[in-house]
C-alpha atoms as a PDB file:
ATOM      1  CA  MET A   1     189.239 -11.210-130.317  1.00  0.00           C
ATOM      2  CA  LYS A   2     192.269 -13.380-130.926  1.00  0.00           C
ATOM      3  CA  ASP A   3     193.714 -13.731-134.437  1.00  0.00           C
ATOM      4  CA  TYR A   4     194.545 -17.421-134.025  1.00  0.00           C
ATOM      5  CA  TYR A   5     192.940 -20.380-132.255  1.00  0.00           C
ATOM      6  CA  LYS A   6     194.245 -23.821-131.373  1.00  0.00           C
ATOM      7  CA  ILE A   7     192.738 -26.990-132.805  1.00  0.00           C
ATOM      8  CA  ASN A   8     190.903 -27.950-129.594  1.00  0.00           C
ATOM      9  CA  GLU A   9     189.343 -24.494-129.394  1.00  0.00           C
ATOM     10  CA  ILE A  10     188.124 -24.738-133.004  1.00  0.00           C
ATOM     11  CA  ALA A  11     186.805 -28.259-132.503  1.00  0.00           C
ATOM     12  CA  LYS A  12     184.793 -27.149-129.454  1.00  0.00           C
ATOM     13  CA  LEU A  13     183.539 -23.950-131.094  1.00  0.00           C
ATOM     14  CA  TYR A  14     182.263 -25.668-134.270  1.00  0.00           C
ATOM     15  CA  GLY A  15     181.364 -29.039-132.817  1.00  0.00           C
ATOM     16  CA  ILE A  16     183.817 -30.691-135.189  1.00  0.00           C
ATOM     17  CA  GLY A  17     186.062 -33.585-134.271  1.00  0.00           C
ATOM     18  CA  VAL A  18     189.811 -33.006-134.210  1.00  0.00           C
ATOM     19  CA  ASP A  19     190.205 -35.843-136.713  1.00  0.00           C
ATOM     20  CA  SER A  20     187.889 -34.014-139.151  1.00  0.00           C
ATOM     21  CA  LEU A  21     189.972 -30.850-138.884  1.00  0.00           C
ATOM     22  CA  ARG A  22     193.120 -32.839-139.608  1.00  0.00           C
ATOM     23  CA  TYR A  23     191.336 -34.482-142.553  1.00  0.00           C
ATOM     24  CA  TYR A  24     190.427 -31.064-143.987  1.00  0.00           C
ATOM     25  CA  GLU A  25     194.070 -30.136-143.627  1.00  0.00           C
ATOM     26  CA  ARG A  26     195.222 -33.269-145.495  1.00  0.00           C
ATOM     27  CA  LEU A  27     192.833 -32.380-148.326  1.00  0.00           C
ATOM     28  CA  GLY A  28     194.415 -28.934-148.502  1.00  0.00           C
ATOM     29  CA  ILE A  29     191.196 -27.108-147.628  1.00  0.00           C
ATOM     30  CA  LEU A  30     192.498 -25.779-144.313  1.00  0.00           C
ATOM     31  CA  LYS A  31     196.080 -24.564-143.950  1.00  0.00           C
ATOM     32  CA  PRO A  32     196.763 -23.742-140.296  1.00  0.00           C
ATOM     33  CA  ARG A  33     200.105 -22.269-139.311  1.00  0.00           C
ATOM     34  CA  ARG A  34     202.266 -23.740-136.537  1.00  0.00           C
ATOM     35  CA  ASP A  35     203.474 -22.003-133.407  1.00  0.00           C
ATOM     36  CA  THR A  36     206.935 -22.437-131.947  1.00  0.00           C
ATOM     37  CA  ASN A  37     205.823 -25.627-130.190  1.00  0.00           C
ATOM     38  CA  GLY A  38     204.383 -27.157-133.364  1.00  0.00           C
ATOM     39  CA  TYR A  39     200.745 -26.648-132.395  1.00  0.00           C
ATOM     40  CA  ARG A  40     198.273 -25.852-135.160  1.00  0.00           C
ATOM     41  CA  LEU A  41     196.915 -22.321-135.148  1.00  0.00           C
ATOM     42  CA  TYR A  42     193.778 -21.477-137.128  1.00  0.00           C
ATOM     43  CA  SER A  43     193.223 -17.944-138.381  1.00  0.00           C
ATOM     44  CA  LEU A  44     189.903 -16.160-138.793  1.00  0.00           C
ATOM     45  CA  LYS A  45     190.173 -16.934-142.523  1.00  0.00           C
ATOM     46  CA  GLU A  46     190.221 -20.653-141.725  1.00  0.00           C
ATOM     47  CA  MET A  47     187.093 -20.175-139.633  1.00  0.00           C
ATOM     48  CA  TYR A  48     185.361 -18.632-142.633  1.00  0.00           C
ATOM     49  CA  LYS A  49     186.192 -21.779-144.572  1.00  0.00           C
ATOM     50  CA  LEU A  50     184.778 -23.899-141.766  1.00  0.00           C
ATOM     51  CA  ASN A  51     181.503 -21.996-142.030  1.00  0.00           C
ATOM     52  CA  MET A  52     181.423 -22.747-145.770  1.00  0.00           C
ATOM     53  CA  ILE A  53     182.267 -26.418-145.203  1.00  0.00           C
ATOM     54  CA  ARG A  54     179.492 -26.758-142.633  1.00  0.00           C
ATOM     55  CA  ASP A  55     176.885 -25.109-144.876  1.00  0.00           C
ATOM     56  CA  LEU A  56     177.887 -27.064-147.995  1.00  0.00           C
ATOM     57  CA  ARG A  57     178.010 -30.375-146.148  1.00  0.00           C
ATOM     58  CA  ARG A  58     174.444 -29.736-145.013  1.00  0.00           C
ATOM     59  CA  LEU A  59     173.611 -29.516-148.724  1.00  0.00           C
ATOM     60  CA  ASN A  60     175.268 -32.910-149.263  1.00  0.00           C
ATOM     61  CA  PHE A  61     178.253 -31.628-151.222  1.00  0.00           C
ATOM     62  CA  SER A  62     181.276 -33.906-151.220  1.00  0.00           C
ATOM     63  CA  MET A  63     184.571 -32.708-149.788  1.00  0.00           C
ATOM     64  CA  GLU A  64     186.060 -32.792-153.296  1.00  0.00           C
ATOM     65  CA  GLN A  65     183.324 -30.432-154.524  1.00  0.00           C
ATOM     66  CA  ILE A  66     183.824 -28.170-151.532  1.00  0.00           C
ATOM     67  CA  LYS A  67     187.569 -28.004-152.099  1.00  0.00           C
ATOM     68  CA  ALA A  68     187.145 -27.136-155.782  1.00  0.00           C
ATOM     69  CA  TYR A  69     184.595 -24.477-154.904  1.00  0.00           C
ATOM     70  CA  LEU A  70     186.709 -22.835-152.213  1.00  0.00           C
ATOM     71  CA  GLU A  71     189.753 -22.785-154.484  1.00  0.00           C
ATOM     72  CA  GLY A  72     187.860 -20.993-157.262  1.00  0.00           C
ATOM     73  CA  GLN A  73     185.089 -19.185-155.459  1.00  0.00           C
ATOM     74  CA  THR A  74     183.318 -16.594-157.596  1.00  0.00           C
ATOM     75  CA  VAL A  75     179.738 -15.396-157.927  1.00  0.00           C
ATOM     76  CA  ASP A  76     179.401 -17.469-161.117  1.00  0.00           C
ATOM     77  CA  ASN A  77     180.714 -20.577-159.353  1.00  0.00           C
ATOM     78  CA  THR A  78     178.397 -19.958-156.414  1.00  0.00           C
ATOM     79  CA  LEU A  79     175.392 -19.670-158.722  1.00  0.00           C
ATOM     80  CA  HIS A  80     176.428 -22.833-160.565  1.00  0.00           C
ATOM     81  CA  LEU A  81     176.826 -24.703-157.277  1.00  0.00           C
ATOM     82  CA  LEU A  82     173.479 -23.539-155.958  1.00  0.00           C
ATOM     83  CA  ARG A  83     171.702 -24.495-159.185  1.00  0.00           C
ATOM     84  CA  GLN A  84     173.267 -27.939-159.007  1.00  0.00           C
ATOM     85  CA  GLU A  85     172.038 -28.331-155.472  1.00  0.00           C
ATOM     86  CA  ALA A  86     168.559 -27.074-156.384  1.00  0.00           C
ATOM     87  CA  ASP A  87     168.374 -29.759-159.094  1.00  0.00           C
ATOM     88  CA  LEU A  88     169.493 -32.376-156.585  1.00  0.00           C
ATOM     89  CA  VAL A  89     166.871 -31.260-154.059  1.00  0.00           C
ATOM     90  CA  GLN A  90     164.165 -31.495-156.721  1.00  0.00           C
ATOM     91  CA  GLU A  91     165.291 -35.030-157.568  1.00  0.00           C
ATOM     92  CA  GLN A  92     165.228 -35.977-153.891  1.00  0.00           C
ATOM     93  CA  LEU A  93     161.718 -34.528-153.587  1.00  0.00           C
ATOM     94  CA  ARG A  94     160.594 -36.652-156.549  1.00  0.00           C
ATOM     95  CA  GLU A  95     162.105 -39.741-154.920  1.00  0.00           C
ATOM     96  CA  LEU A  96     160.415 -38.940-151.604  1.00  0.00           C
ATOM     97  CA  GLN A  97     157.098 -38.424-153.372  1.00  0.00           C
ATOM     98  CA  ALA A  98     157.474 -41.786-155.101  1.00  0.00           C
ATOM     99  CA  LYS A  99     158.235 -43.416-151.734  1.00  0.00           C
ATOM    100  CA  ALA A 100     155.181 -41.735-150.221  1.00  0.00           C
ATOM    101  CA  VAL A 101     153.002 -43.181-152.994  1.00  0.00           C
ATOM    102  CA  LEU A 102     154.427 -46.667-152.371  1.00  0.00           C
ATOM    103  CA  LEU A 103     153.819 -46.359-148.640  1.00  0.00           C
ATOM    104  CA  GLU A 104     150.235 -45.228-149.206  1.00  0.00           C
ATOM    105  CA  LYS A 105     149.736 -48.151-151.573  1.00  0.00           C
ATOM    106  CA  ARG A 106     151.098 -50.630-149.038  1.00  0.00           C
ATOM    107  CA  VAL A 107     148.933 -49.207-146.253  1.00  0.00           C
ATOM    108  CA  ALA A 108     145.839 -49.422-148.472  1.00  0.00           C
ATOM    109  CA  THR A 109     146.690 -52.999-149.489  1.00  0.00           C
ATOM    110  CA  LEU A 110     147.141 -54.157-145.889  1.00  0.00           C
ATOM    111  CA  GLU A 111     144.006 -52.402-144.711  1.00  0.00           C
ATOM    112  CA  ALA A 112     142.025 -54.016-147.541  1.00  0.00           C
ATOM    113  CA  ALA A 113     143.520 -57.412-146.682  1.00  0.00           C
ATOM    114  CA  ARG A 114     142.419 -57.071-143.070  1.00  0.00           C
ATOM    115  CA  ARG A 115     138.832 -56.580-144.250  1.00  0.00           C
ATOM    116  CA  VAL A 116     138.813 -59.854-146.212  1.00  0.00           C
ATOM    117  CA  VAL A 117     136.497 -62.556-144.903  1.00  0.00           C
ATOM    118  CA  PRO A 118     138.384 -65.884-145.211  1.00  0.00           C
ATOM    119  CA  GLY A 119     136.767 -69.200-146.065  1.00  0.00           C
ATOM    120  CA  VAL A 120     134.327 -67.878-148.680  1.00  0.00           C
ATOM    121  CA  VAL A 121     134.650 -69.067-152.297  1.00  0.00           C
ATOM    122  CA  ALA A 122     134.297 -66.233-154.813  1.00  0.00           C
ATOM    123  CA  ARG A 123     134.353 -66.098-158.585  1.00  0.00           C
ATOM    124  CA  LYS A 124     136.471 -63.352-160.162  1.00  0.00           C
ATOM    125  CA  THR A 125     137.084 -62.160-163.707  1.00  0.00           C
ATOM    126  CA  LEU A 126     140.712 -61.039-163.908  1.00  0.00           C
ATOM    127  CA  PRO A 127     142.893 -59.472-166.627  1.00  0.00           C
ATOM    128  CA  PRO A 128     146.058 -61.147-167.934  1.00  0.00           C
ATOM    129  CA  ARG A 129     148.883 -60.882-165.385  1.00  0.00           C
ATOM    130  CA  PRO A 130     152.496 -60.971-166.654  1.00  0.00           C
ATOM    131  CA  CYS A 131     154.839 -62.741-164.230  1.00  0.00           C
ATOM    132  CA  VAL A 132     158.451 -63.697-163.661  1.00  0.00           C
ATOM    133  CA  LEU A 133     159.118 -67.219-162.390  1.00  0.00           C
ATOM    134  CA  PHE A 134     161.719 -69.181-160.449  1.00  0.00           C
ATOM    135  CA  THR A 135     161.142 -72.927-160.708  1.00  0.00           C
ATOM    136  CA  GLU A 136     162.202 -74.981-157.687  1.00  0.00           C
ATOM    137  CA  HIS A 137     160.590 -77.694-155.578  1.00  0.00           C
ATOM    138  CA  ILE A 138     159.774 -76.313-152.127  1.00  0.00           C
ATOM    139  CA  THR A 139     158.737 -78.316-149.069  1.00  0.00           C
ATOM    140  CA  ARG A 140     159.436 -75.925-146.161  1.00  0.00           C
ATOM    141  CA  ASP A 141     158.617 -72.311-145.297  1.00  0.00           C
ATOM    142  CA  GLU A 142     162.329 -71.520-144.941  1.00  0.00           C
ATOM    143  CA  GLU A 143     162.927 -72.699-148.492  1.00  0.00           C
ATOM    144  CA  MET A 144     160.114 -70.481-149.736  1.00  0.00           C
ATOM    145  CA  ASP A 145     161.789 -67.353-148.341  1.00  0.00           C
ATOM    146  CA  PHE A 146     165.105 -68.344-149.895  1.00  0.00           C
ATOM    147  CA  VAL A 147     163.598 -69.050-153.313  1.00  0.00           C
ATOM    148  CA  MET A 148     161.696 -65.747-153.233  1.00  0.00           C
ATOM    149  CA  LYS A 149     165.020 -64.012-152.644  1.00  0.00           C
ATOM    150  CA  LYS A 150     166.482 -65.877-155.628  1.00  0.00           C
ATOM    151  CA  LEU A 151     163.554 -64.716-157.736  1.00  0.00           C
ATOM    152  CA  HIS A 152     164.046 -61.133-156.558  1.00  0.00           C
ATOM    153  CA  ARG A 153     167.778 -61.247-157.252  1.00  0.00           C
ATOM    154  CA  GLN A 154     167.258 -62.705-160.725  1.00  0.00           C
ATOM    155  CA  HIS A 155     164.707 -60.034-161.659  1.00  0.00           C
ATOM    156  CA  GLU A 156     165.740 -56.967-159.648  1.00  0.00           C
ATOM    157  CA  ASP A 157     165.046 -54.734-162.637  1.00  0.00           C
ATOM    158  CA  LYS A 158     161.402 -55.872-162.707  1.00  0.00           C
ATOM    159  CA  ILE A 159     160.737 -56.441-158.978  1.00  0.00           C
ATOM    160  CA  ARG A 160     161.478 -52.889-157.883  1.00  0.00           C
ATOM    161  CA  ASP A 161     159.459 -52.707-154.692  1.00  0.00           C
ATOM    162  CA  PHE A 162     159.714 -55.919-152.681  1.00  0.00           C
ATOM    163  CA  GLY A 163     157.229 -54.819-150.038  1.00  0.00           C
ATOM    164  CA  ASN A 164     154.427 -53.986-152.479  1.00  0.00           C
ATOM    165  CA  GLN A 165     155.146 -56.726-154.992  1.00  0.00           C
ATOM    166  CA  ILE A 166     152.565 -59.488-155.537  1.00  0.00           C
ATOM    167  CA  PHE A 167     154.236 -62.844-154.903  1.00  0.00           C
ATOM    168  CA  GLY A 168     152.706 -66.245-155.474  1.00  0.00           C
ATOM    169  CA  ALA A 169     153.578 -69.925-155.706  1.00  0.00           C
ATOM    170  CA  PHE A 170     152.341 -72.865-157.762  1.00  0.00           C
ATOM    171  CA  LEU A 171     151.149 -75.740-155.611  1.00  0.00           C
ATOM    172  CA  ALA A 172     152.710 -79.171-156.214  1.00  0.00           C
ATOM    173  CA  MET A 173     149.353 -80.794-156.854  1.00  0.00           C
ATOM    174  CA  GLU A 174     150.417 -84.457-157.006  1.00  0.00           C
ATOM    175  CA  GLU A 175     152.033 -84.345-153.566  1.00  0.00           C
ATOM    176  CA  LEU A 176     149.355 -82.050-152.194  1.00  0.00           C
ATOM    177  CA  MET A 177     146.496 -84.351-153.170  1.00  0.00           C
ATOM    178  CA  ALA A 178     148.454 -87.358-151.907  1.00  0.00           C
ATOM    179  CA  GLY A 179     148.285 -85.844-148.436  1.00  0.00           C
ATOM    180  CA  THR A 180     151.290 -83.480-148.116  1.00  0.00           C
ATOM    181  CA  PRO A 181     150.342 -79.816-147.584  1.00  0.00           C
ATOM    182  CA  ASN A 182     152.557 -76.777-148.107  1.00  0.00           C
ATOM    183  CA  VAL A 183     154.509 -78.067-151.130  1.00  0.00           C
ATOM    184  CA  TYR A 184     155.243 -76.048-154.256  1.00  0.00           C
ATOM    185  CA  ASP A 185     156.852 -76.257-157.696  1.00  0.00           C
ATOM    186  CA  GLY A 186     158.013 -72.659-157.989  1.00  0.00           C
ATOM    187  CA  VAL A 187     157.418 -69.042-157.050  1.00  0.00           C
ATOM    188  CA  PHE A 188     156.436 -66.098-159.207  1.00  0.00           C
ATOM    189  CA  SER A 189     155.830 -62.387-159.018  1.00  0.00           C
ATOM    190  CA  VAL A 190     153.351 -60.308-160.973  1.00  0.00           C
ATOM    191  CA  VAL A 191     155.162 -57.538-162.887  1.00  0.00           C
ATOM    192  CA  GLU A 192     154.171 -54.585-165.034  1.00  0.00           C
ATOM    193  CA  GLU A 193     156.332 -55.199-168.106  1.00  0.00           C
ATOM    194  CA  ALA A 194     154.555 -57.787-170.248  1.00  0.00           C
ATOM    195  CA  ASP A 195     157.365 -57.805-172.822  1.00  0.00           C
ATOM    196  CA  ALA A 196     159.947 -59.069-170.330  1.00  0.00           C
ATOM    197  CA  CYS A 197     157.896 -61.659-168.428  1.00  0.00           C
ATOM    198  CA  ASP A 198     158.471 -65.435-168.169  1.00  0.00           C
ATOM    199  CA  PHE A 199     154.780 -66.307-168.465  1.00  0.00           C
ATOM    200  CA  THR A 200     151.323 -64.772-168.158  1.00  0.00           C
ATOM    201  CA  LEU A 201     148.475 -65.833-165.926  1.00  0.00           C
ATOM    202  CA  PRO A 202     145.659 -65.827-168.504  1.00  0.00           C
ATOM    203  CA  GLY A 203     142.829 -63.388-168.217  1.00  0.00           C
ATOM    204  CA  GLY A 204     139.423 -64.871-167.488  1.00  0.00           C
ATOM    205  CA  ASP A 205     137.402 -66.470-164.704  1.00  0.00           C
ATOM    206  CA  TYR A 206     138.990 -67.660-161.483  1.00  0.00           C
ATOM    207  CA  LEU A 207     137.772 -69.235-158.296  1.00  0.00           C
ATOM    208  CA  SER A 208     139.223 -67.553-155.228  1.00  0.00           C
ATOM    209  CA  LEU A 209     139.380 -68.591-151.590  1.00  0.00           C
ATOM    210  CA  PHE A 210     141.248 -66.792-148.813  1.00  0.00           C
ATOM    211  CA  TYR A 211     142.538 -68.564-145.731  1.00  0.00           C
ATOM    212  CA  GLN A 212     144.112 -67.104-142.623  1.00  0.00           C
ATOM    213  CA  GLY A 213     146.943 -68.637-140.638  1.00  0.00           C
ATOM    214  CA  PRO A 214     149.681 -71.221-141.355  1.00  0.00           C
ATOM    215  CA  TYR A 215     150.197 -72.636-144.850  1.00  0.00           C
ATOM    216  CA  GLU A 216     149.572 -76.221-143.731  1.00  0.00           C
ATOM    217  CA  GLN A 217     145.888 -75.480-144.374  1.00  0.00           C
ATOM    218  CA  ASN A 218     146.328 -75.173-148.125  1.00  0.00           C
ATOM    219  CA  ARG A 219     145.546 -78.830-148.950  1.00  0.00           C
ATOM    220  CA  ALA A 220     142.117 -78.534-147.342  1.00  0.00           C
ATOM    221  CA  VAL A 221     141.570 -75.157-149.037  1.00  0.00           C
ATOM    222  CA  VAL A 222     142.388 -76.583-152.481  1.00  0.00           C
ATOM    223  CA  GLN A 223     140.059 -79.519-151.852  1.00  0.00           C
ATOM    224  CA  GLN A 224     137.299 -77.049-150.956  1.00  0.00           C
ATOM    225  CA  LEU A 225     137.874 -75.116-154.190  1.00  0.00           C
ATOM    226  CA  LEU A 226     137.889 -78.266-156.325  1.00  0.00           C
ATOM    227  CA  ALA A 227     134.681 -79.508-154.713  1.00  0.00           C
ATOM    228  CA  TYR A 228     133.042 -76.141-155.382  1.00  0.00           C
ATOM    229  CA  ALA A 229     134.131 -76.293-159.045  1.00  0.00           C
ATOM    230  CA  ARG A 230     132.632 -79.779-159.453  1.00  0.00           C
ATOM    231  CA  GLU A 231     129.345 -78.802-157.857  1.00  0.00           C
ATOM    232  CA  ALA A 232     129.123 -75.626-159.978  1.00  0.00           C
ATOM    233  CA  GLY A 233     129.870 -77.527-163.208  1.00  0.00           C
ATOM    234  CA  LEU A 234     133.170 -75.713-163.785  1.00  0.00           C
ATOM    235  CA  THR A 235     136.239 -77.066-165.574  1.00  0.00           C
ATOM    236  CA  LEU A 236     139.701 -76.074-164.367  1.00  0.00           C
ATOM    237  CA  THR A 237     141.803 -74.157-166.914  1.00  0.00           C
ATOM    238  CA  GLY A 238     145.030 -74.245-164.948  1.00  0.00           C
ATOM    239  CA  ARG A 239     146.616 -75.453-161.750  1.00  0.00           C
ATOM    240  CA  PRO A 240     145.905 -73.797-158.398  1.00  0.00           C
ATOM    241  CA  PHE A 241     148.323 -71.240-157.018  1.00  0.00           C
ATOM    242  CA  GLU A 242     148.670 -69.112-153.916  1.00  0.00           C
ATOM    243  CA  LEU A 243     149.002 -65.338-153.623  1.00  0.00           C
ATOM    244  CA  TYR A 244     150.428 -63.885-150.416  1.00  0.00           C
ATOM    245  CA  GLU A 245     148.420 -60.913-149.168  1.00  0.00           C
ATOM    246  CA  ILE A 246     149.863 -60.828-145.641  1.00  0.00           C
ATOM    247  CA  ASP A 247     153.017 -62.825-144.950  1.00  0.00           C
ATOM    248  CA  ASN A 248     156.315 -62.574-143.108  1.00  0.00           C
ATOM    249  CA  ARG A 249     157.058 -59.279-144.868  1.00  0.00           C
ATOM    250  CA  ASP A 250     154.298 -57.834-142.681  1.00  0.00           C
ATOM    251  CA  THR A 251     154.122 -59.913-139.481  1.00  0.00           C
ATOM    252  CA  VAL A 252     156.002 -62.549-137.497  1.00  0.00           C
ATOM    253  CA  ARG A 253     152.706 -64.069-136.313  1.00  0.00           C
ATOM    254  CA  PRO A 254     151.613 -66.964-138.552  1.00  0.00           C
ATOM    255  CA  GLU A 255     148.044 -66.583-137.310  1.00  0.00           C
ATOM    256  CA  GLU A 256     147.947 -63.191-139.069  1.00  0.00           C
ATOM    257  CA  PHE A 257     149.032 -64.544-142.474  1.00  0.00           C
ATOM    258  CA  LEU A 258     146.432 -64.099-145.212  1.00  0.00           C
ATOM    259  CA  THR A 259     146.740 -66.198-148.361  1.00  0.00           C
ATOM    260  CA  GLU A 260     144.555 -66.399-151.439  1.00  0.00           C
ATOM    261  CA  VAL A 261     144.266 -69.584-153.483  1.00  0.00           C
ATOM    262  CA  GLN A 262     143.170 -69.061-157.074  1.00  0.00           C
ATOM    263  CA  VAL A 263     142.434 -71.463-159.925  1.00  0.00           C
ATOM    264  CA  GLY A 264     141.274 -70.664-163.455  1.00  0.00           C
ATOM    265  CA  VAL A 265     137.878 -72.078-164.468  1.00  0.00           C
ATOM    266  CA  ARG A 266     135.356 -72.120-167.321  1.00  0.00           C
ATOM    267  CA  GLU A 267     131.848 -73.428-167.760  1.00  0.00           C
ATOM    268  CA  GLU A 268     131.707 -77.076-168.803  1.00  0.00           C
ATOM    269  CA  ARG A 269     130.897 -77.429-172.477  1.00  0.00           C
ATOM    270  CA  ASN A 270     127.992 -79.831-171.932  1.00  0.00           C
ATOM    271  CA  ALA A 271     126.368 -77.418-169.529  1.00  0.00           C
ATOM    272  CA  LEU A 272     126.709 -74.603-172.032  1.00  0.00           C
ATOM    273  CA  GLU A 273     125.241 -76.726-174.819  1.00  0.00           C
ATOM    274  CA  GLY A 274     122.281 -77.571-172.584  1.00  0.00           C
ATOM    275  CA  LEU A 275     121.657 -73.872-172.021  1.00  0.00           C
ATOM    276  CA  VAL A 276     121.749 -73.182-175.777  1.00  0.00           C
ATOM    277  CA  LYS A 277     119.228 -75.954-176.497  1.00  0.00           C
END
């Protein structure tokens, strides 16, 4: 066995680029000698350091940490380094577990959405829902995406998981009822922290109607909901809004979009008085 090896031999043996070896030298981790022609020669001791660099890099240690460790390598330092890495691995496992939960949640949400039967009016009793809001008049789908990004950017601390977040938009009712579909006055997202929200969708009774496909249908959907409310003797307690169950976060096919229109309602007072009498 030779005592010294040239840089190309080391690079081939360890699968390390020549530039990386030179970088380790600039950091002072490797200190090859030079032969009479100026070529770098790496001793067996330098190879031992390369083994350590390879193993520690696999554990995600920075080159600065590796240099400090190699310069003061003791059993105590090795134990300290390994304990640090064990803590880091545990943190990464917790992060991966959290991501797995989010993925399972998203899969369950999409699978549930695909089982929804559109076009059927339902009455729901819902809890209060704290929301963050970005107010802006929107007349095109492209604007909607941009405003949603503004909302996300403004509330990044509250909208932590864009894929699983519930997004909605308030319909611009005056324009909508005048004949213009797909117009909005602002977008919102349902959040967990009630103390830091912009507004709350009140708890109570809501009419709900899902529709599938492009958003240009929403004028007809709202008209269907309003007609149902009139026939059922219900009074609106708020303005209609959309919630996006399947949208361009999930598919590029508009025919696969699934949107829910909700509006708060209550029994008309006269009807209630008639029941009491």
